[in-house]
Amino acid sequence: MAQERRLFDVDWSYDLCTEGERLLWNRLSVFSGGFDLEAAETVCTGEVVLREDVLDLPAGLVDKSIVTVSSSGDRARYSLLETIRQCGRQRLREEGGTARLRVRHSEFYRMTAVRAGQAWCGPREVDWLVRLRTDLPNLRTALDYCASRPDLAGDGLEIAGQPGPHTVLVFSSTLGEGRHWPERLLATGAPRRRRPRERRR
């Protein structure tokens, strides 16, 4: 009964949203553990939701208690409760947009990993370490999706092979995680001609 009431409340909240807010809600469901505006702008824009809209639409979702916001760090972070996330994911599947958004999500975190790798052993290393630890759920989600797609396994290897993400994967949970992802990605049959540097790492 409680579950049915929660679902009813979520549907009621969905009906209160504008078209743009609904589309953004669905697309934000690809994130795990939270996201910032840069991630939302990069992953979720296009087809009705414009980049400049992402500055305003999250505010509407926050006002409706769909999205929560935390400003405790150097940048605001947004998140969805799991029930709300699952509702968005279901509607995203119904739209047929899941694969497209998952690819964009994985590409964003691949580029994040590359940027962290380029800044490693530099003056901003600690800043990147904090950011990567905060985004570890999204890195894992991106790696998991890349491991499910042989055509994206090379991208996954690039994420796992960067010094910053690799360090975070090794020391944020168990020592075996830093080995788990490359082995799993290589097992998908990642093209040998693609990203040889990441294969060597």
N, C-alpha and C. Protein backbone atom coordinates (compact mmCIF):
# COMPACT_ATOMS: atom_id res chain seq x y z
N MET A 1 0.83 -1.20 0.00
CA MET A 1 0.00 0.00 0.00
C MET A 1 0.87 1.26 0.00
N ALA A 2 1.93 1.24 0.85
CA ALA A 2 2.83 2.39 0.93
C ALA A 2 3.54 2.60 -0.41
N GLN A 3 3.94 1.47 -1.05
CA GLN A 3 4.61 1.56 -2.35
C GLN A 3 3.68 2.15 -3.39
N GLU A 4 2.42 1.72 -3.40
CA GLU A 4 1.45 2.25 -4.35
C GLU A 4 1.24 3.75 -4.13
N ARG A 5 1.23 4.17 -2.84
CA ARG A 5 1.04 5.60 -2.54
C ARG A 5 2.22 6.42 -3.06
N ARG A 6 3.45 5.88 -2.87
CA ARG A 6 4.63 6.59 -3.35
C ARG A 6 4.60 6.74 -4.86
N LEU A 7 4.21 5.66 -5.57
CA LEU A 7 4.12 5.71 -7.02
C LEU A 7 3.07 6.72 -7.46
N PHE A 8 1.93 6.75 -6.73
CA PHE A 8 0.88 7.71 -7.06
C PHE A 8 1.39 9.13 -6.88
N ASP A 9 2.14 9.38 -5.78
CA ASP A 9 2.67 10.71 -5.52
C ASP A 9 3.66 11.12 -6.61
N VAL A 10 4.49 10.17 -7.07
CA VAL A 10 5.45 10.48 -8.12
C VAL A 10 4.73 10.82 -9.42
N ASP A 11 3.72 10.04 -9.77
CA ASP A 11 2.95 10.33 -10.98
C ASP A 11 2.27 11.69 -10.88
N TRP A 12 1.76 12.01 -9.71
CA TRP A 12 1.11 13.30 -9.51
C TRP A 12 2.12 14.42 -9.70
N SER A 13 3.32 14.25 -9.15
CA SER A 13 4.37 15.26 -9.32
C SER A 13 4.77 15.39 -10.78
N TYR A 14 4.81 14.26 -11.49
CA TYR A 14 5.16 14.27 -12.91
C TYR A 14 4.15 15.10 -13.70
N ASP A 15 2.89 14.95 -13.36
CA ASP A 15 1.84 15.69 -14.06
C ASP A 15 1.94 17.20 -13.82
N LEU A 16 2.52 17.60 -12.71
CA LEU A 16 2.66 19.01 -12.39
C LEU A 16 3.80 19.68 -13.16
N CYS A 17 4.69 18.89 -13.73
CA CYS A 17 5.87 19.43 -14.39
C CYS A 17 5.55 19.92 -15.79
N THR A 18 6.33 20.88 -16.25
CA THR A 18 6.23 21.31 -17.65
C THR A 18 6.85 20.24 -18.54
N GLU A 19 6.65 20.37 -19.84
CA GLU A 19 7.23 19.39 -20.77
C GLU A 19 8.75 19.34 -20.65
N GLY A 20 9.38 20.52 -20.56
CA GLY A 20 10.83 20.56 -20.43
C GLY A 20 11.31 19.93 -19.15
N GLU A 21 10.60 20.17 -18.05
CA GLU A 21 10.97 19.57 -16.76
C GLU A 21 10.83 18.06 -16.80
N ARG A 22 9.79 17.56 -17.46
CA ARG A 22 9.61 16.11 -17.57
C ARG A 22 10.74 15.48 -18.36
N LEU A 23 11.08 16.08 -19.49
CA LEU A 23 12.16 15.55 -20.32
C LEU A 23 13.48 15.55 -19.54
N LEU A 24 13.75 16.64 -18.83
CA LEU A 24 14.99 16.70 -18.06
C LEU A 24 14.97 15.68 -16.93
N TRP A 25 13.86 15.53 -16.25
CA TRP A 25 13.72 14.53 -15.18
C TRP A 25 14.07 13.15 -15.74
N ASN A 26 13.50 12.79 -16.88
CA ASN A 26 13.78 11.48 -17.47
C ASN A 26 15.27 11.32 -17.78
N ARG A 27 15.86 12.36 -18.33
CA ARG A 27 17.27 12.27 -18.74
C ARG A 27 18.21 12.26 -17.55
N LEU A 28 17.86 12.99 -16.50
CA LEU A 28 18.70 13.01 -15.30
C LEU A 28 18.76 11.64 -14.63
N SER A 29 17.82 10.77 -14.96
CA SER A 29 17.80 9.45 -14.32
C SER A 29 18.99 8.58 -14.72
N VAL A 30 19.76 8.98 -15.74
CA VAL A 30 20.94 8.19 -16.12
C VAL A 30 22.09 8.37 -15.13
N PHE A 31 22.02 9.42 -14.31
CA PHE A 31 23.10 9.66 -13.35
C PHE A 31 22.93 8.76 -12.13
N SER A 32 24.05 8.45 -11.51
CA SER A 32 24.05 7.66 -10.29
C SER A 32 24.73 8.45 -9.18
N GLY A 33 24.05 8.61 -8.06
CA GLY A 33 24.68 9.25 -6.91
C GLY A 33 24.75 10.76 -6.96
N GLY A 34 24.32 11.39 -8.03
CA GLY A 34 24.33 12.85 -8.11
C GLY A 34 25.06 13.36 -9.34
N PHE A 35 24.96 14.66 -9.56
CA PHE A 35 25.55 15.28 -10.75
C PHE A 35 25.64 16.78 -10.50
N ASP A 36 26.44 17.47 -11.31
CA ASP A 36 26.50 18.93 -11.25
C ASP A 36 25.93 19.50 -12.54
N LEU A 37 25.88 20.82 -12.63
CA LEU A 37 25.28 21.45 -13.81
C LEU A 37 26.06 21.16 -15.08
N GLU A 38 27.39 21.11 -14.98
CA GLU A 38 28.19 20.80 -16.17
C GLU A 38 27.80 19.45 -16.75
N ALA A 39 27.65 18.45 -15.88
CA ALA A 39 27.26 17.12 -16.35
C ALA A 39 25.87 17.14 -16.96
N ALA A 40 24.93 17.81 -16.29
CA ALA A 40 23.55 17.87 -16.81
C ALA A 40 23.49 18.58 -18.15
N GLU A 41 24.23 19.68 -18.29
CA GLU A 41 24.24 20.43 -19.55
C GLU A 41 24.79 19.58 -20.68
N THR A 42 25.84 18.82 -20.40
CA THR A 42 26.50 18.04 -21.45
C THR A 42 25.71 16.81 -21.84
N VAL A 43 25.16 16.12 -20.87
CA VAL A 43 24.50 14.84 -21.12
C VAL A 43 23.04 15.00 -21.55
N CYS A 44 22.34 15.96 -20.97
CA CYS A 44 20.88 15.98 -21.08
C CYS A 44 20.31 16.94 -22.10
N THR A 45 21.12 17.79 -22.72
CA THR A 45 20.56 18.77 -23.64
C THR A 45 20.35 18.18 -25.03
N GLY A 46 19.55 18.91 -25.82
CA GLY A 46 19.22 18.46 -27.17
C GLY A 46 17.77 18.04 -27.26
N GLU A 47 17.16 18.28 -28.42
CA GLU A 47 15.77 17.87 -28.66
C GLU A 47 14.85 18.44 -27.59
N VAL A 48 14.52 19.68 -27.70
CA VAL A 48 13.60 20.44 -26.83
C VAL A 48 14.35 21.06 -25.65
N VAL A 49 15.18 20.29 -24.94
CA VAL A 49 15.91 20.82 -23.79
C VAL A 49 17.20 21.47 -24.28
N LEU A 50 17.24 22.81 -24.26
CA LEU A 50 18.40 23.55 -24.71
C LEU A 50 19.41 23.69 -23.57
N ARG A 51 20.66 23.95 -23.96
CA ARG A 51 21.72 24.06 -22.95
C ARG A 51 21.40 25.16 -21.93
N GLU A 52 20.91 26.30 -22.43
CA GLU A 52 20.59 27.39 -21.51
C GLU A 52 19.41 27.06 -20.60
N ASP A 53 18.56 26.11 -21.02
CA ASP A 53 17.41 25.71 -20.20
C ASP A 53 17.86 25.00 -18.94
N VAL A 54 19.03 24.35 -18.99
CA VAL A 54 19.48 23.56 -17.85
C VAL A 54 19.83 24.45 -16.67
N LEU A 55 19.97 25.75 -16.91
CA LEU A 55 20.19 26.68 -15.80
C LEU A 55 18.90 26.94 -15.03
N ASP A 56 17.75 26.80 -15.72
CA ASP A 56 16.47 27.13 -15.11
C ASP A 56 15.63 25.91 -14.74
N LEU A 57 15.63 24.90 -15.60
CA LEU A 57 14.77 23.74 -15.36
C LEU A 57 15.07 23.02 -14.05
N PRO A 58 16.35 22.82 -13.66
CA PRO A 58 16.58 22.17 -12.37
C PRO A 58 15.97 22.93 -11.20
N ALA A 59 15.94 24.28 -11.29
CA ALA A 59 15.34 25.07 -10.22
C ALA A 59 13.86 24.72 -10.07
N GLY A 60 13.17 24.53 -11.21
CA GLY A 60 11.77 24.13 -11.15
C GLY A 60 11.59 22.76 -10.54
N LEU A 61 12.50 21.85 -10.85
CA LEU A 61 12.43 20.50 -10.28
C LEU A 61 12.77 20.50 -8.79
N VAL A 62 13.67 21.40 -8.39
CA VAL A 62 13.98 21.54 -6.96
C VAL A 62 12.77 22.09 -6.22
N ASP A 63 12.10 23.09 -6.80
CA ASP A 63 10.91 23.68 -6.17
C ASP A 63 9.81 22.64 -5.99
N LYS A 64 9.74 21.67 -6.91
CA LYS A 64 8.71 20.63 -6.83
C LYS A 64 9.18 19.42 -6.04
N SER A 65 10.37 19.51 -5.43
CA SER A 65 10.95 18.43 -4.61
C SER A 65 11.24 17.18 -5.43
N ILE A 66 11.44 17.34 -6.74
CA ILE A 66 11.84 16.23 -7.59
C ILE A 66 13.35 16.03 -7.50
N VAL A 67 14.06 17.14 -7.47
CA VAL A 67 15.52 17.12 -7.40
C VAL A 67 15.94 17.79 -6.10
N THR A 68 16.93 17.22 -5.42
CA THR A 68 17.50 17.85 -4.24
C THR A 68 18.84 18.46 -4.60
N VAL A 69 19.24 19.51 -3.90
CA VAL A 69 20.48 20.20 -4.21
C VAL A 69 21.30 20.37 -2.94
N SER A 70 22.60 20.21 -3.08
CA SER A 70 23.54 20.40 -1.97
C SER A 70 24.62 21.36 -2.44
N SER A 71 24.90 22.37 -1.63
CA SER A 71 25.92 23.36 -1.97
C SER A 71 27.08 23.32 -0.99
N SER A 72 27.33 22.16 -0.40
CA SER A 72 28.36 22.06 0.63
C SER A 72 29.77 22.09 0.05
N GLY A 73 29.95 21.69 -1.23
CA GLY A 73 31.27 21.68 -1.85
C GLY A 73 31.52 22.95 -2.63
N ASP A 74 32.50 22.87 -3.56
CA ASP A 74 32.84 24.05 -4.36
C ASP A 74 31.88 24.26 -5.52
N ARG A 75 31.01 23.28 -5.76
CA ARG A 75 30.00 23.41 -6.82
C ARG A 75 28.74 22.71 -6.35
N ALA A 76 27.59 23.24 -6.77
CA ALA A 76 26.32 22.64 -6.37
C ALA A 76 26.18 21.25 -6.98
N ARG A 77 25.66 20.32 -6.18
CA ARG A 77 25.41 18.96 -6.65
C ARG A 77 23.93 18.66 -6.51
N TYR A 78 23.40 17.99 -7.50
CA TYR A 78 21.98 17.65 -7.54
C TYR A 78 21.82 16.14 -7.49
N SER A 79 20.67 15.69 -6.99
CA SER A 79 20.41 14.25 -6.95
C SER A 79 18.91 13.99 -6.96
N LEU A 80 18.55 12.75 -7.28
CA LEU A 80 17.16 12.31 -7.28
C LEU A 80 17.02 11.16 -6.30
N LEU A 81 15.91 11.14 -5.55
CA LEU A 81 15.61 9.98 -4.73
C LEU A 81 15.41 8.78 -5.64
N GLU A 82 15.68 7.58 -5.11
CA GLU A 82 15.66 6.40 -5.97
C GLU A 82 14.31 6.16 -6.61
N THR A 83 13.21 6.36 -5.88
CA THR A 83 11.88 6.17 -6.46
C THR A 83 11.67 7.12 -7.64
N ILE A 84 12.12 8.35 -7.48
CA ILE A 84 11.98 9.35 -8.54
C ILE A 84 12.89 8.99 -9.72
N ARG A 85 14.09 8.51 -9.42
CA ARG A 85 15.00 8.10 -10.49
C ARG A 85 14.41 6.94 -11.30
N GLN A 86 13.84 5.96 -10.61
CA GLN A 86 13.27 4.81 -11.31
C GLN A 86 12.10 5.21 -12.19
N CYS A 87 11.30 6.17 -11.73
CA CYS A 87 10.20 6.68 -12.55
C CYS A 87 10.75 7.31 -13.82
N GLY A 88 11.80 8.13 -13.68
CA GLY A 88 12.41 8.76 -14.84
C GLY A 88 12.99 7.75 -15.81
N ARG A 89 13.65 6.72 -15.27
CA ARG A 89 14.25 5.69 -16.13
C ARG A 89 13.19 4.92 -16.90
N GLN A 90 12.08 4.63 -16.23
CA GLN A 90 11.00 3.93 -16.92
C GLN A 90 10.45 4.75 -18.08
N ARG A 91 10.25 6.03 -17.85
CA ARG A 91 9.71 6.89 -18.90
C ARG A 91 10.74 7.13 -20.01
N LEU A 92 12.01 7.16 -19.63
CA LEU A 92 13.06 7.29 -20.64
C LEU A 92 13.08 6.06 -21.55
N ARG A 93 12.90 4.88 -20.96
CA ARG A 93 12.82 3.66 -21.77
C ARG A 93 11.62 3.71 -22.71
N GLU A 94 10.50 4.19 -22.20
CA GLU A 94 9.29 4.29 -23.02
C GLU A 94 9.50 5.24 -24.19
N GLU A 95 10.32 6.27 -24.00
CA GLU A 95 10.64 7.21 -25.08
C GLU A 95 11.64 6.63 -26.07
N GLY A 96 12.31 5.55 -25.69
CA GLY A 96 13.34 4.98 -26.54
C GLY A 96 14.64 5.75 -26.50
N GLY A 97 14.86 6.50 -25.41
CA GLY A 97 16.06 7.34 -25.34
C GLY A 97 17.15 6.83 -24.44
N THR A 98 16.99 5.63 -23.86
CA THR A 98 17.94 5.16 -22.86
C THR A 98 19.34 4.99 -23.44
N ALA A 99 19.47 4.29 -24.56
CA ALA A 99 20.80 4.01 -25.12
C ALA A 99 21.52 5.30 -25.47
N ARG A 100 20.82 6.23 -26.08
CA ARG A 100 21.45 7.50 -26.48
C ARG A 100 21.98 8.25 -25.26
N LEU A 101 21.17 8.31 -24.20
CA LEU A 101 21.60 9.03 -23.00
C LEU A 101 22.71 8.30 -22.27
N ARG A 102 22.67 6.96 -22.27
CA ARG A 102 23.74 6.21 -21.62
C ARG A 102 25.07 6.40 -22.34
N VAL A 103 25.02 6.49 -23.67
CA VAL A 103 26.25 6.75 -24.44
C VAL A 103 26.79 8.13 -24.11
N ARG A 104 25.92 9.12 -24.05
CA ARG A 104 26.36 10.48 -23.73
C ARG A 104 26.91 10.56 -22.31
N HIS A 105 26.27 9.86 -21.39
CA HIS A 105 26.75 9.80 -20.00
C HIS A 105 28.14 9.19 -19.95
N SER A 106 28.34 8.07 -20.63
CA SER A 106 29.65 7.41 -20.63
C SER A 106 30.71 8.28 -21.27
N GLU A 107 30.34 8.98 -22.34
CA GLU A 107 31.30 9.87 -23.01
C GLU A 107 31.69 11.04 -22.12
N PHE A 108 30.74 11.57 -21.38
CA PHE A 108 31.06 12.69 -20.48
C PHE A 108 32.07 12.23 -19.42
N TYR A 109 31.86 11.05 -18.86
CA TYR A 109 32.77 10.60 -17.80
C TYR A 109 34.09 10.07 -18.37
N ARG A 110 34.09 9.68 -19.63
CA ARG A 110 35.37 9.38 -20.28
C ARG A 110 36.19 10.67 -20.38
N MET A 111 35.56 11.74 -20.83
CA MET A 111 36.27 13.01 -20.95
C MET A 111 36.67 13.56 -19.57
N THR A 112 35.82 13.34 -18.57
CA THR A 112 36.19 13.73 -17.21
C THR A 112 37.43 12.98 -16.75
N ALA A 113 37.48 11.68 -17.06
CA ALA A 113 38.64 10.88 -16.69
C ALA A 113 39.90 11.36 -17.39
N VAL A 114 39.76 11.71 -18.67
CA VAL A 114 40.91 12.20 -19.43
C VAL A 114 41.42 13.51 -18.84
N ARG A 115 40.50 14.42 -18.53
CA ARG A 115 40.91 15.69 -17.94
C ARG A 115 41.59 15.48 -16.59
N ALA A 116 41.07 14.55 -15.79
CA ALA A 116 41.71 14.25 -14.50
C ALA A 116 43.10 13.68 -14.71
N GLY A 117 43.23 12.80 -15.71
CA GLY A 117 44.54 12.21 -15.99
C GLY A 117 45.56 13.24 -16.43
N GLN A 118 45.11 14.21 -17.20
CA GLN A 118 46.01 15.27 -17.66
C GLN A 118 46.46 16.18 -16.53
N ALA A 119 45.60 16.34 -15.52
CA ALA A 119 45.92 17.22 -14.39
C ALA A 119 46.60 16.49 -13.24
N TRP A 120 46.75 15.17 -13.37
CA TRP A 120 47.32 14.38 -12.27
C TRP A 120 48.78 14.76 -12.05
N CYS A 121 49.21 14.70 -10.82
CA CYS A 121 50.57 15.11 -10.42
C CYS A 121 50.81 16.59 -10.71
N GLY A 122 49.75 17.38 -10.67
CA GLY A 122 49.85 18.81 -10.87
C GLY A 122 49.24 19.55 -9.68
N PRO A 123 49.14 20.87 -9.75
CA PRO A 123 48.62 21.65 -8.62
C PRO A 123 47.14 21.39 -8.30
N ARG A 124 46.39 20.83 -9.25
CA ARG A 124 44.96 20.59 -9.02
C ARG A 124 44.66 19.11 -8.77
N GLU A 125 45.68 18.35 -8.47
CA GLU A 125 45.48 16.91 -8.28
C GLU A 125 44.49 16.62 -7.15
N VAL A 126 44.61 17.33 -6.04
CA VAL A 126 43.71 17.09 -4.91
C VAL A 126 42.28 17.44 -5.28
N ASP A 127 42.08 18.55 -6.02
CA ASP A 127 40.74 18.92 -6.45
C ASP A 127 40.11 17.82 -7.31
N TRP A 128 40.91 17.27 -8.22
CA TRP A 128 40.41 16.21 -9.08
C TRP A 128 40.15 14.93 -8.27
N LEU A 129 40.96 14.66 -7.29
CA LEU A 129 40.75 13.48 -6.45
C LEU A 129 39.40 13.57 -5.74
N VAL A 130 39.11 14.74 -5.18
CA VAL A 130 37.82 14.94 -4.52
C VAL A 130 36.68 14.79 -5.51
N ARG A 131 36.83 15.38 -6.69
CA ARG A 131 35.76 15.31 -7.70
C ARG A 131 35.53 13.87 -8.16
N LEU A 132 36.60 13.14 -8.39
CA LEU A 132 36.45 11.76 -8.85
C LEU A 132 35.81 10.88 -7.78
N ARG A 133 36.19 11.09 -6.53
CA ARG A 133 35.57 10.32 -5.45
C ARG A 133 34.08 10.62 -5.36
N THR A 134 33.73 11.90 -5.53
CA THR A 134 32.32 12.29 -5.50
C THR A 134 31.55 11.65 -6.64
N ASP A 135 32.20 11.54 -7.80
CA ASP A 135 31.54 11.00 -8.99
C ASP A 135 31.81 9.51 -9.19
N LEU A 136 32.32 8.84 -8.17
CA LEU A 136 32.62 7.41 -8.33
C LEU A 136 31.40 6.60 -8.76
N PRO A 137 30.18 6.83 -8.22
CA PRO A 137 29.03 6.08 -8.71
C PRO A 137 28.80 6.26 -10.21
N ASN A 138 29.01 7.47 -10.73
CA ASN A 138 28.84 7.70 -12.17
C ASN A 138 29.96 7.05 -12.98
N LEU A 139 31.17 7.05 -12.46
CA LEU A 139 32.27 6.37 -13.15
C LEU A 139 31.98 4.87 -13.26
N ARG A 140 31.49 4.29 -12.18
CA ARG A 140 31.15 2.86 -12.20
C ARG A 140 30.02 2.58 -13.17
N THR A 141 29.01 3.47 -13.19
CA THR A 141 27.89 3.29 -14.12
C THR A 141 28.38 3.36 -15.56
N ALA A 142 29.26 4.32 -15.84
CA ALA A 142 29.82 4.45 -17.19
C ALA A 142 30.64 3.21 -17.56
N LEU A 143 31.46 2.74 -16.64
CA LEU A 143 32.26 1.54 -16.91
C LEU A 143 31.37 0.33 -17.15
N ASP A 144 30.31 0.20 -16.35
CA ASP A 144 29.41 -0.93 -16.49
C ASP A 144 28.73 -0.92 -17.86
N TYR A 145 28.32 0.26 -18.31
CA TYR A 145 27.67 0.35 -19.62
C TYR A 145 28.66 0.05 -20.73
N CYS A 146 29.88 0.60 -20.63
CA CYS A 146 30.90 0.32 -21.65
C CYS A 146 31.20 -1.17 -21.71
N ALA A 147 31.19 -1.84 -20.56
CA ALA A 147 31.46 -3.27 -20.53
C ALA A 147 30.33 -4.09 -21.15
N SER A 148 29.15 -3.49 -21.28
CA SER A 148 28.02 -4.19 -21.90
C SER A 148 27.98 -3.99 -23.41
N ARG A 149 28.86 -3.13 -23.92
CA ARG A 149 28.88 -2.80 -25.35
C ARG A 149 30.29 -2.98 -25.89
N PRO A 150 30.56 -4.06 -26.65
CA PRO A 150 31.91 -4.24 -27.20
C PRO A 150 32.43 -3.03 -27.97
N ASP A 151 31.52 -2.28 -28.61
CA ASP A 151 31.95 -1.11 -29.37
C ASP A 151 32.37 0.05 -28.47
N LEU A 152 32.02 -0.01 -27.18
CA LEU A 152 32.40 1.04 -26.24
C LEU A 152 33.45 0.57 -25.24
N ALA A 153 33.89 -0.67 -25.36
CA ALA A 153 34.85 -1.19 -24.39
C ALA A 153 36.14 -0.39 -24.40
N GLY A 154 36.55 0.11 -25.56
CA GLY A 154 37.74 0.94 -25.63
C GLY A 154 37.59 2.22 -24.83
N ASP A 155 36.39 2.80 -24.84
CA ASP A 155 36.14 3.99 -24.02
C ASP A 155 36.24 3.64 -22.53
N GLY A 156 35.70 2.47 -22.17
CA GLY A 156 35.79 2.04 -20.78
C GLY A 156 37.24 1.83 -20.34
N LEU A 157 38.05 1.27 -21.23
CA LEU A 157 39.46 1.09 -20.92
C LEU A 157 40.16 2.42 -20.72
N GLU A 158 39.73 3.42 -21.48
CA GLU A 158 40.33 4.74 -21.33
C GLU A 158 39.97 5.35 -19.97
N ILE A 159 38.73 5.14 -19.52
CA ILE A 159 38.34 5.62 -18.20
C ILE A 159 39.16 4.92 -17.12
N ALA A 160 39.18 3.59 -17.18
CA ALA A 160 39.84 2.81 -16.13
C ALA A 160 41.35 2.97 -16.14
N GLY A 161 41.91 3.33 -17.31
CA GLY A 161 43.36 3.40 -17.42
C GLY A 161 43.96 4.74 -17.07
N GLN A 162 43.12 5.76 -16.86
CA GLN A 162 43.65 7.07 -16.49
C GLN A 162 44.17 7.02 -15.05
N PRO A 163 45.28 7.69 -14.75
CA PRO A 163 45.85 7.59 -13.41
C PRO A 163 44.92 8.05 -12.29
N GLY A 164 44.17 9.13 -12.51
CA GLY A 164 43.26 9.60 -11.47
C GLY A 164 42.14 8.61 -11.18
N PRO A 165 41.30 8.27 -12.17
CA PRO A 165 40.24 7.30 -11.93
C PRO A 165 40.77 5.95 -11.45
N HIS A 166 41.92 5.51 -11.98
CA HIS A 166 42.46 4.23 -11.55
C HIS A 166 42.79 4.27 -10.06
N THR A 167 43.39 5.38 -9.61
CA THR A 167 43.72 5.52 -8.19
C THR A 167 42.47 5.49 -7.33
N VAL A 168 41.43 6.19 -7.76
CA VAL A 168 40.19 6.24 -7.01
C VAL A 168 39.53 4.86 -6.96
N LEU A 169 39.52 4.15 -8.09
CA LEU A 169 38.92 2.82 -8.13
C LEU A 169 39.66 1.85 -7.22
N VAL A 170 40.99 1.98 -7.16
CA VAL A 170 41.78 1.07 -6.34
C VAL A 170 41.56 1.32 -4.86
N PHE A 171 41.51 2.59 -4.46
CA PHE A 171 41.53 2.90 -3.03
C PHE A 171 40.19 3.31 -2.44
N SER A 172 39.14 3.42 -3.23
CA SER A 172 37.85 3.83 -2.69
C SER A 172 37.00 2.65 -2.24
N SER A 173 37.33 1.46 -2.63
CA SER A 173 36.54 0.31 -2.18
C SER A 173 37.47 -0.83 -1.82
N THR A 174 37.75 -1.69 -2.79
CA THR A 174 38.68 -2.78 -2.55
C THR A 174 39.82 -2.66 -3.56
N LEU A 175 40.96 -3.24 -3.21
CA LEU A 175 42.10 -3.17 -4.11
C LEU A 175 41.82 -3.85 -5.43
N GLY A 176 40.88 -4.82 -5.44
CA GLY A 176 40.61 -5.56 -6.66
C GLY A 176 39.82 -4.80 -7.70
N GLU A 177 39.18 -3.68 -7.33
CA GLU A 177 38.34 -2.99 -8.31
C GLU A 177 39.17 -2.39 -9.44
N GLY A 178 40.37 -1.92 -9.12
CA GLY A 178 41.22 -1.36 -10.16
C GLY A 178 41.62 -2.40 -11.20
N ARG A 179 41.57 -3.67 -10.85
CA ARG A 179 41.87 -4.75 -11.79
C ARG A 179 40.60 -5.30 -12.44
N HIS A 180 39.51 -5.25 -11.68
CA HIS A 180 38.24 -5.82 -12.15
C HIS A 180 37.79 -5.21 -13.47
N TRP A 181 37.78 -3.86 -13.55
CA TRP A 181 37.21 -3.21 -14.73
C TRP A 181 38.02 -3.47 -16.00
N PRO A 182 39.36 -3.33 -15.98
CA PRO A 182 40.09 -3.65 -17.22
C PRO A 182 39.90 -5.09 -17.67
N GLU A 183 39.88 -6.02 -16.72
CA GLU A 183 39.68 -7.43 -17.09
C GLU A 183 38.31 -7.64 -17.70
N ARG A 184 37.29 -7.04 -17.10
CA ARG A 184 35.94 -7.21 -17.63
C ARG A 184 35.80 -6.57 -19.00
N LEU A 185 36.38 -5.37 -19.16
CA LEU A 185 36.30 -4.68 -20.45
C LEU A 185 37.04 -5.42 -21.54
N LEU A 186 38.22 -5.95 -21.22
CA LEU A 186 38.97 -6.73 -22.21
C LEU A 186 38.24 -8.01 -22.58
N ALA A 187 37.49 -8.56 -21.62
CA ALA A 187 36.76 -9.81 -21.88
C ALA A 187 35.61 -9.61 -22.87
N THR A 188 35.19 -8.34 -23.07
CA THR A 188 34.11 -8.10 -24.03
C THR A 188 34.60 -8.19 -25.47
N GLY A 189 35.93 -8.27 -25.64
CA GLY A 189 36.48 -8.30 -26.99
C GLY A 189 36.73 -6.93 -27.53
N ALA A 190 37.24 -6.03 -26.69
CA ALA A 190 37.54 -4.67 -27.14
C ALA A 190 38.45 -4.71 -28.35
N PRO A 191 38.14 -3.95 -29.39
CA PRO A 191 38.94 -3.98 -30.61
C PRO A 191 40.42 -3.75 -30.33
N ARG A 192 41.27 -4.63 -30.83
CA ARG A 192 42.69 -4.53 -30.55
C ARG A 192 43.33 -3.31 -31.20
N ARG A 193 42.74 -2.80 -32.27
CA ARG A 193 43.32 -1.65 -32.95
C ARG A 193 42.90 -0.33 -32.33
N ARG A 194 41.99 -0.39 -31.35
CA ARG A 194 41.48 0.86 -30.79
C ARG A 194 42.09 1.12 -29.42
N ARG A 195 42.56 2.32 -29.21
CA ARG A 195 43.12 2.76 -27.96
C ARG A 195 44.18 1.79 -27.43
N PRO A 196 45.27 1.51 -28.19
CA PRO A 196 46.30 0.58 -27.71
C PRO A 196 46.96 1.06 -26.43
N ARG A 197 47.04 2.40 -26.24
CA ARG A 197 47.66 2.91 -25.01
C ARG A 197 46.88 2.46 -23.78
N GLU A 198 45.54 2.50 -23.87
CA GLU A 198 44.72 2.09 -22.73
C GLU A 198 44.85 0.59 -22.50
N ARG A 199 44.98 -0.20 -23.56
CA ARG A 199 45.17 -1.64 -23.40
C ARG A 199 46.48 -1.91 -22.66
N ARG A 200 47.53 -1.18 -23.00
CA ARG A 200 48.82 -1.39 -22.34
C ARG A 200 48.74 -1.01 -20.85
N ARG A 201 48.03 0.10 -20.56
CA ARG A 201 47.88 0.47 -19.17
C ARG A 201 47.20 -0.65 -18.39
